[in-house]
PDB file of N, CA and C in Angstrom:
ATOM      1  N   MET A   1      -5.528  19.090  36.565  1.00  0.00           N
ATOM      2  CA  MET A   1      -5.472  17.727  35.934  1.00  0.00           C
ATOM      3  C   MET A   1      -3.915  17.638  36.488  1.00  0.00           C
ATOM      4  N   ASP A   2      -3.838  16.466  37.038  1.00  0.00           N
ATOM      5  CA  ASP A   2      -2.889  16.544  38.156  1.00  0.00           C
ATOM      6  C   ASP A   2      -1.588  15.813  37.107  1.00  0.00           C
ATOM      7  N   THR A   3      -0.297  15.242  37.907  1.00  0.00           N
ATOM      8  CA  THR A   3       0.485  14.748  37.449  1.00  0.00           C
ATOM      9  C   THR A   3       0.173  12.861  36.758  1.00  0.00           C
ATOM     10  N   THR A   4      -0.447  12.480  37.498  1.00  0.00           N
ATOM     11  CA  THR A   4      -0.923  11.158  37.507  1.00  0.00           C
ATOM     12  C   THR A   4      -1.874  10.641  36.223  1.00  0.00           C
ATOM     13  N   GLN A   5      -2.688  11.839  36.198  1.00  0.00           N
ATOM     14  CA  GLN A   5      -3.702  12.051  34.888  1.00  0.00           C
ATOM     15  C   GLN A   5      -2.456  12.515  33.618  1.00  0.00           C
ATOM     16  N   LEU A   6      -1.927  13.217  33.964  1.00  0.00           N
ATOM     17  CA  LEU A   6      -0.735  13.563  32.929  1.00  0.00           C
ATOM     18  C   LEU A   6      -0.027  12.406  32.386  1.00  0.00           C
ATOM     19  N   GLN A   7       0.649  12.024  33.026  1.00  0.00           N
ATOM     20  CA  GLN A   7       1.603  10.835  32.677  1.00  0.00           C
ATOM     21  C   GLN A   7       1.003   9.756  32.106  1.00  0.00           C
ATOM     22  N   GLY A   8      -0.249   9.022  32.423  1.00  0.00           N
ATOM     23  CA  GLY A   8      -1.576   8.432  31.722  1.00  0.00           C
ATOM     24  C   GLY A   8      -1.485   9.062  30.427  1.00  0.00           C
ATOM     25  N   LEU A   9      -1.960  10.556  30.015  1.00  0.00           N
ATOM     26  CA  LEU A   9      -2.522  10.796  28.583  1.00  0.00           C
ATOM     27  C   LEU A   9      -0.859  10.828  28.118  1.00  0.00           C
ATOM     28  N   ILE A  10       0.410  11.147  28.420  1.00  0.00           N
ATOM     29  CA  ILE A  10       1.296  11.122  27.662  1.00  0.00           C
ATOM     30  C   ILE A  10       1.642   9.642  27.280  1.00  0.00           C
ATOM     31  N   GLY A  11       1.545   8.638  28.537  1.00  0.00           N
ATOM     32  CA  GLY A  11       1.657   7.134  27.851  1.00  0.00           C
ATOM     33  C   GLY A  11       0.620   6.551  27.056  1.00  0.00           C
ATOM     34  N   THR A  12      -0.693   7.151  27.165  1.00  0.00           N
ATOM     35  CA  THR A  12      -1.827   6.818  25.938  1.00  0.00           C
ATOM     36  C   THR A  12      -1.417   7.149  25.106  1.00  0.00           C
ATOM     37  N   LEU A  13      -0.872   8.632  24.897  1.00  0.00           N
ATOM     38  CA  LEU A  13      -0.400   9.071  22.832  1.00  0.00           C
ATOM     39  C   LEU A  13       0.561   8.413  22.713  1.00  0.00           C
ATOM     40  N   ALA A  14       1.811   7.731  23.784  1.00  0.00           N
ATOM     41  CA  ALA A  14       2.553   7.348  23.012  1.00  0.00           C
ATOM     42  C   ALA A  14       2.618   5.840  22.414  1.00  0.00           C
ATOM     43  N   VAL A  15       2.060   5.287  23.465  1.00  0.00           N
ATOM     44  CA  VAL A  15       1.310   3.687  22.551  1.00  0.00           C
ATOM     45  C   VAL A  15       0.491   4.570  21.472  1.00  0.00           C
ATOM     46  N   LEU A  16      -0.623   5.172  21.192  1.00  0.00           N
ATOM     47  CA  LEU A  16      -0.782   5.186  20.151  1.00  0.00           C
ATOM     48  C   LEU A  16      -0.134   5.496  18.685  1.00  0.00           C
ATOM     49  N   GLY A  17       0.968   6.344  19.369  1.00  0.00           N
ATOM     50  CA  GLY A  17       2.123   6.917  18.299  1.00  0.00           C
ATOM     51  C   GLY A  17       2.592   5.600  18.026  1.00  0.00           C
ATOM     52  N   LEU A  18       3.071   5.023  18.770  1.00  0.00           N
ATOM     53  CA  LEU A  18       3.522   3.516  18.126  1.00  0.00           C
ATOM     54  C   LEU A  18       3.022   2.404  17.609  1.00  0.00           C
ATOM     55  N   LEU A  19       1.518   2.418  17.805  1.00  0.00           N
ATOM     56  CA  LEU A  19       0.746   2.021  17.158  1.00  0.00           C
ATOM     57  C   LEU A  19       0.801   2.045  15.801  1.00  0.00           C
ATOM     58  N   ALA A  20       0.424   3.414  15.852  1.00  0.00           N
ATOM     59  CA  ALA A  20       0.488   3.556  13.978  1.00  0.00           C
ATOM     60  C   ALA A  20       1.242   3.819  13.375  1.00  0.00           C
ATOM     61  N   LEU A  21       2.484   4.182  13.792  1.00  0.00           N
ATOM     62  CA  LEU A  21       4.269   3.923  13.368  1.00  0.00           C
ATOM     63  C   LEU A  21       4.068   2.053  13.048  1.00  0.00           C
ATOM     64  N   VAL A  22       3.525   1.511  13.995  1.00  0.00           N
ATOM     65  CA  VAL A  22       3.559  -0.304  13.230  1.00  0.00           C
ATOM     66  C   VAL A  22       2.529  -0.964  12.362  1.00  0.00           C
ATOM     67  N   VAL A  23       1.674   0.126  12.425  1.00  0.00           N
ATOM     68  CA  VAL A  23       0.375  -0.431  11.633  1.00  0.00           C
ATOM     69  C   VAL A  23       0.443   0.265  10.027  1.00  0.00           C
ATOM     70  N   LEU A  24       0.414   1.718   9.894  1.00  0.00           N
ATOM     71  CA  LEU A  24       0.782   2.477   8.904  1.00  0.00           C
ATOM     72  C   LEU A  24       1.474   1.901   7.429  1.00  0.00           C
ATOM     73  N   PRO A  25       2.330   1.175   7.679  1.00  0.00           N
ATOM     74  CA  PRO A  25       3.400   0.526   6.506  1.00  0.00           C
ATOM     75  C   PRO A  25       2.463  -0.689   6.333  1.00  0.00           C
ATOM     76  N   ALA A  26       1.552  -1.211   7.035  1.00  0.00           N
ATOM     77  CA  ALA A  26       0.887  -2.394   6.445  1.00  0.00           C
ATOM     78  C   ALA A  26       0.055  -1.643   5.525  1.00  0.00           C
ATOM     79  N   VAL A  27      -0.504  -0.635   6.154  1.00  0.00           N
ATOM     80  CA  VAL A  27      -1.672  -0.508   5.494  1.00  0.00           C
ATOM     81  C   VAL A  27      -1.493   0.312   4.472  1.00  0.00           C
ATOM     82  N   VAL A  28      -0.548   1.210   3.904  1.00  0.00           N
ATOM     83  CA  VAL A  28       0.076   1.496   2.856  1.00  0.00           C
ATOM     84  C   VAL A  28       0.381   0.086   1.748  1.00  0.00           C
ATOM     85  N   GLY A  29       0.784  -0.431   2.440  1.00  0.00           N
ATOM     86  CA  GLY A  29       1.129  -1.714   1.235  1.00  0.00           C
ATOM     87  C   GLY A  29       0.054  -2.222   1.020  1.00  0.00           C
ATOM     88  N   ALA A  30      -1.185  -2.737   1.964  1.00  0.00           N
ATOM     89  CA  ALA A  30      -2.197  -3.489   1.266  1.00  0.00           C
ATOM     90  C   ALA A  30      -2.706  -2.302   0.108  1.00  0.00           C
ATOM     91  N   VAL A  31      -3.144  -0.929   0.349  1.00  0.00           N
ATOM     92  CA  VAL A  31      -3.056   0.078  -0.381  1.00  0.00           C
ATOM     93  C   VAL A  31      -2.417  -0.123  -1.692  1.00  0.00           C
ATOM     94  N   HIS A  32      -1.103  -0.210  -1.659  1.00  0.00           N
ATOM     95  CA  HIS A  32      -0.735  -0.150  -2.706  1.00  0.00           C
ATOM     96  C   HIS A  32      -1.040  -2.070  -3.591  1.00  0.00           C
ATOM     97  N   ASP A  33      -0.767  -2.792  -2.976  1.00  0.00           N
ATOM     98  CA  ASP A  33      -1.411  -3.867  -3.664  1.00  0.00           C
ATOM     99  C   ASP A  33      -2.531  -4.240  -4.206  1.00  0.00           C
ATOM    100  N   ARG A  34      -3.510  -3.528  -3.345  1.00  0.00           N
ATOM    101  CA  ARG A  34      -5.325  -3.405  -4.487  1.00  0.00           C
ATOM    102  C   ARG A  34      -4.955  -2.761  -5.540  1.00  0.00           C
ATOM    103  N   ARG A  35      -3.820  -1.408  -5.697  1.00  0.00           N
ATOM    104  CA  ARG A  35      -3.825  -0.682  -7.033  1.00  0.00           C
ATOM    105  C   ARG A  35      -3.469  -1.779  -7.552  1.00  0.00           C
ATOM    106  N   VAL A  36      -2.315  -2.523  -7.638  1.00  0.00           N
ATOM    107  CA  VAL A  36      -1.630  -3.095  -8.197  1.00  0.00           C
ATOM    108  C   VAL A  36      -2.446  -4.313  -9.222  1.00  0.00           C
ATOM    109  N   ASP A  37      -3.183  -4.896  -8.411  1.00  0.00           N
ATOM    110  CA  ASP A  37      -3.835  -6.064  -8.715  1.00  0.00           C
ATOM    111  C   ASP A  37      -5.069  -5.545  -9.365  1.00  0.00           C
ATOM    112  N   ARG A  38      -5.686  -3.982  -9.148  1.00  0.00           N
ATOM    113  CA  ARG A  38      -6.609  -3.562 -10.599  1.00  0.00           C
ATOM    114  C   ARG A  38      -5.879  -3.050 -11.282  1.00  0.00           C
ATOM    115  N   GLN A  39      -4.698  -2.871 -11.558  1.00  0.00           N
ATOM    116  CA  GLN A  39      -4.017  -2.867 -12.824  1.00  0.00           C
ATOM    117  C   GLN A  39      -3.351  -3.592 -13.652  1.00  0.00           C
ATOM    118  N   LEU A  40      -3.590  -5.215 -12.905  1.00  0.00           N
ATOM    119  CA  LEU A  40      -3.167  -6.184 -13.470  1.00  0.00           C
ATOM    120  C   LEU A  40      -4.705  -6.862 -14.068  1.00  0.00           C
ATOM    121  N   GLU A  41      -5.342  -6.665 -13.582  1.00  0.00           N
ATOM    122  CA  GLU A  41      -6.868  -6.998 -13.755  1.00  0.00           C
ATOM    123  C   GLU A  41      -7.147  -6.074 -14.864  1.00  0.00           C
ATOM    124  N   ARG A  42      -6.882  -5.092 -15.022  1.00  0.00           N
ATOM    125  CA  ARG A  42      -7.231  -4.052 -16.267  1.00  0.00           C
ATOM    126  C   ARG A  42      -6.632  -4.581 -17.113  1.00  0.00           C
ATOM    127  N   ALA A  43      -5.311  -4.812 -17.203  1.00  0.00           N
ATOM    128  CA  ALA A  43      -4.408  -5.105 -18.018  1.00  0.00           C
ATOM    129  C   ALA A  43      -4.882  -6.321 -18.839  1.00  0.00           C
ATOM    130  N   ALA A  44      -5.134  -7.114 -18.288  1.00  0.00           N
ATOM    131  CA  ALA A  44      -5.811  -8.792 -18.579  1.00  0.00           C
ATOM    132  C   ALA A  44      -7.095  -8.381 -19.559  1.00  0.00           C
ATOM    133  N   GLU A  45      -8.044  -7.749 -19.190  1.00  0.00           N
ATOM    134  CA  GLU A  45      -9.071  -7.410 -19.674  1.00  0.00           C
ATOM    135  C   GLU A  45      -9.011  -6.830 -21.127  1.00  0.00           C
ATOM    136  N   GLU A  46      -7.747  -6.266 -21.417  1.00  0.00           N
ATOM    137  CA  GLU A  46      -7.482  -5.255 -22.228  1.00  0.00           C
ATOM    138  C   GLU A  46      -6.755  -6.301 -23.474  1.00  0.00           C
ATOM    139  N   ARG A  47      -5.957  -7.053 -22.503  1.00  0.00           N
ATOM    140  CA  ARG A  47      -5.539  -8.073 -23.409  1.00  0.00           C
ATOM    141  C   ARG A  47      -6.113  -9.119 -24.122  1.00  0.00           C
ATOM    142  N   ARG A  48      -7.175  -9.739 -22.729  1.00  0.00           N
ATOM    143  CA  ARG A  48      -8.424 -10.641 -23.840  1.00  0.00           C
ATOM    144  C   ARG A  48      -9.307  -9.927 -25.030  1.00  0.00           C
ATOM    145  N   ALA A  49      -9.340  -8.418 -24.689  1.00  0.00           N
ATOM    146  CA  ALA A  49     -10.370  -7.811 -25.357  1.00  0.00           C
ATOM    147  C   ALA A  49      -9.719  -7.744 -26.752  1.00  0.00           C
ATOM    148  N   SER A  50      -8.325  -7.672 -26.861  1.00  0.00           N
ATOM    149  CA  SER A  50      -7.433  -7.257 -28.134  1.00  0.00           C
ATOM    150  C   SER A  50      -7.042  -8.592 -29.060  1.00  0.00           C
ATOM    151  N   HIS A  51      -7.168  -9.457 -28.163  1.00  0.00           N
ATOM    152  CA  HIS A  51      -6.689 -11.409 -28.731  1.00  0.00           C
ATOM    153  C   HIS A  51      -8.222 -11.739 -29.269  1.00  0.00           C
ATOM    154  N   ARG A  52      -9.359 -11.016 -28.932  1.00  0.00           N
ATOM    155  CA  ARG A  52     -10.802 -11.551 -29.293  1.00  0.00           C
ATOM    156  C   ARG A  52     -11.047 -11.499 -31.007  1.00  0.00           C
ATOM    157  N   VAL A  53     -10.562 -12.506 -31.998  1.00  0.00           N
ATOM    158  CA  VAL A  53     -10.620 -12.673 -33.489  1.00  0.00           C
ATOM    159  C   VAL A  53     -12.214 -12.880 -33.627  1.00  0.00           C
ATOM    160  N   ALA A  54     -12.553 -11.942 -34.271  1.00  0.00           N
ATOM    161  CA  ALA A  54     -14.111 -12.062 -35.165  1.00  0.00           C
ATOM    162  C   ALA A  54     -14.158 -13.314 -36.236  1.00  0.00           C
ATOM    163  N   ARG A  55     -15.129 -14.258 -35.610  1.00  0.00           N
ATOM    164  CA  ARG A  55     -15.306 -15.450 -36.753  1.00  0.00           C
ATOM    165  C   ARG A  55     -16.323 -14.906 -37.585  1.00  0.00           C
ATOM    166  N   PRO A  56     -15.912 -14.879 -39.171  1.00  0.00           N
ATOM    167  CA  PRO A  56     -16.687 -15.221 -39.986  1.00  0.00           C
ATOM    168  C   PRO A  56     -18.114 -15.843 -39.775  1.00  0.00           C
ATOM    169  N   ALA A  57     -19.396 -15.537 -40.118  1.00  0.00           N
ATOM    170  CA  ALA A  57     -20.081 -16.411 -39.935  1.00  0.00           C
ATOM    171  C   ALA A  57     -20.740 -16.946 -41.384  1.00  0.00           C
TER     172      ALA A  57
END
């Protein structure tokens, strides 16, 4: 591997590293939002289930 190839490899790795630093917080945020959405849906279902009143026939 000569100097030009090594510089190209280092540049490519640097760009990929910066891309990961930029994308990672967005991915973590999206995963967190989905988890919160699931928790809210579960709480709403439990609330609906607890507020259902059995009507006498």
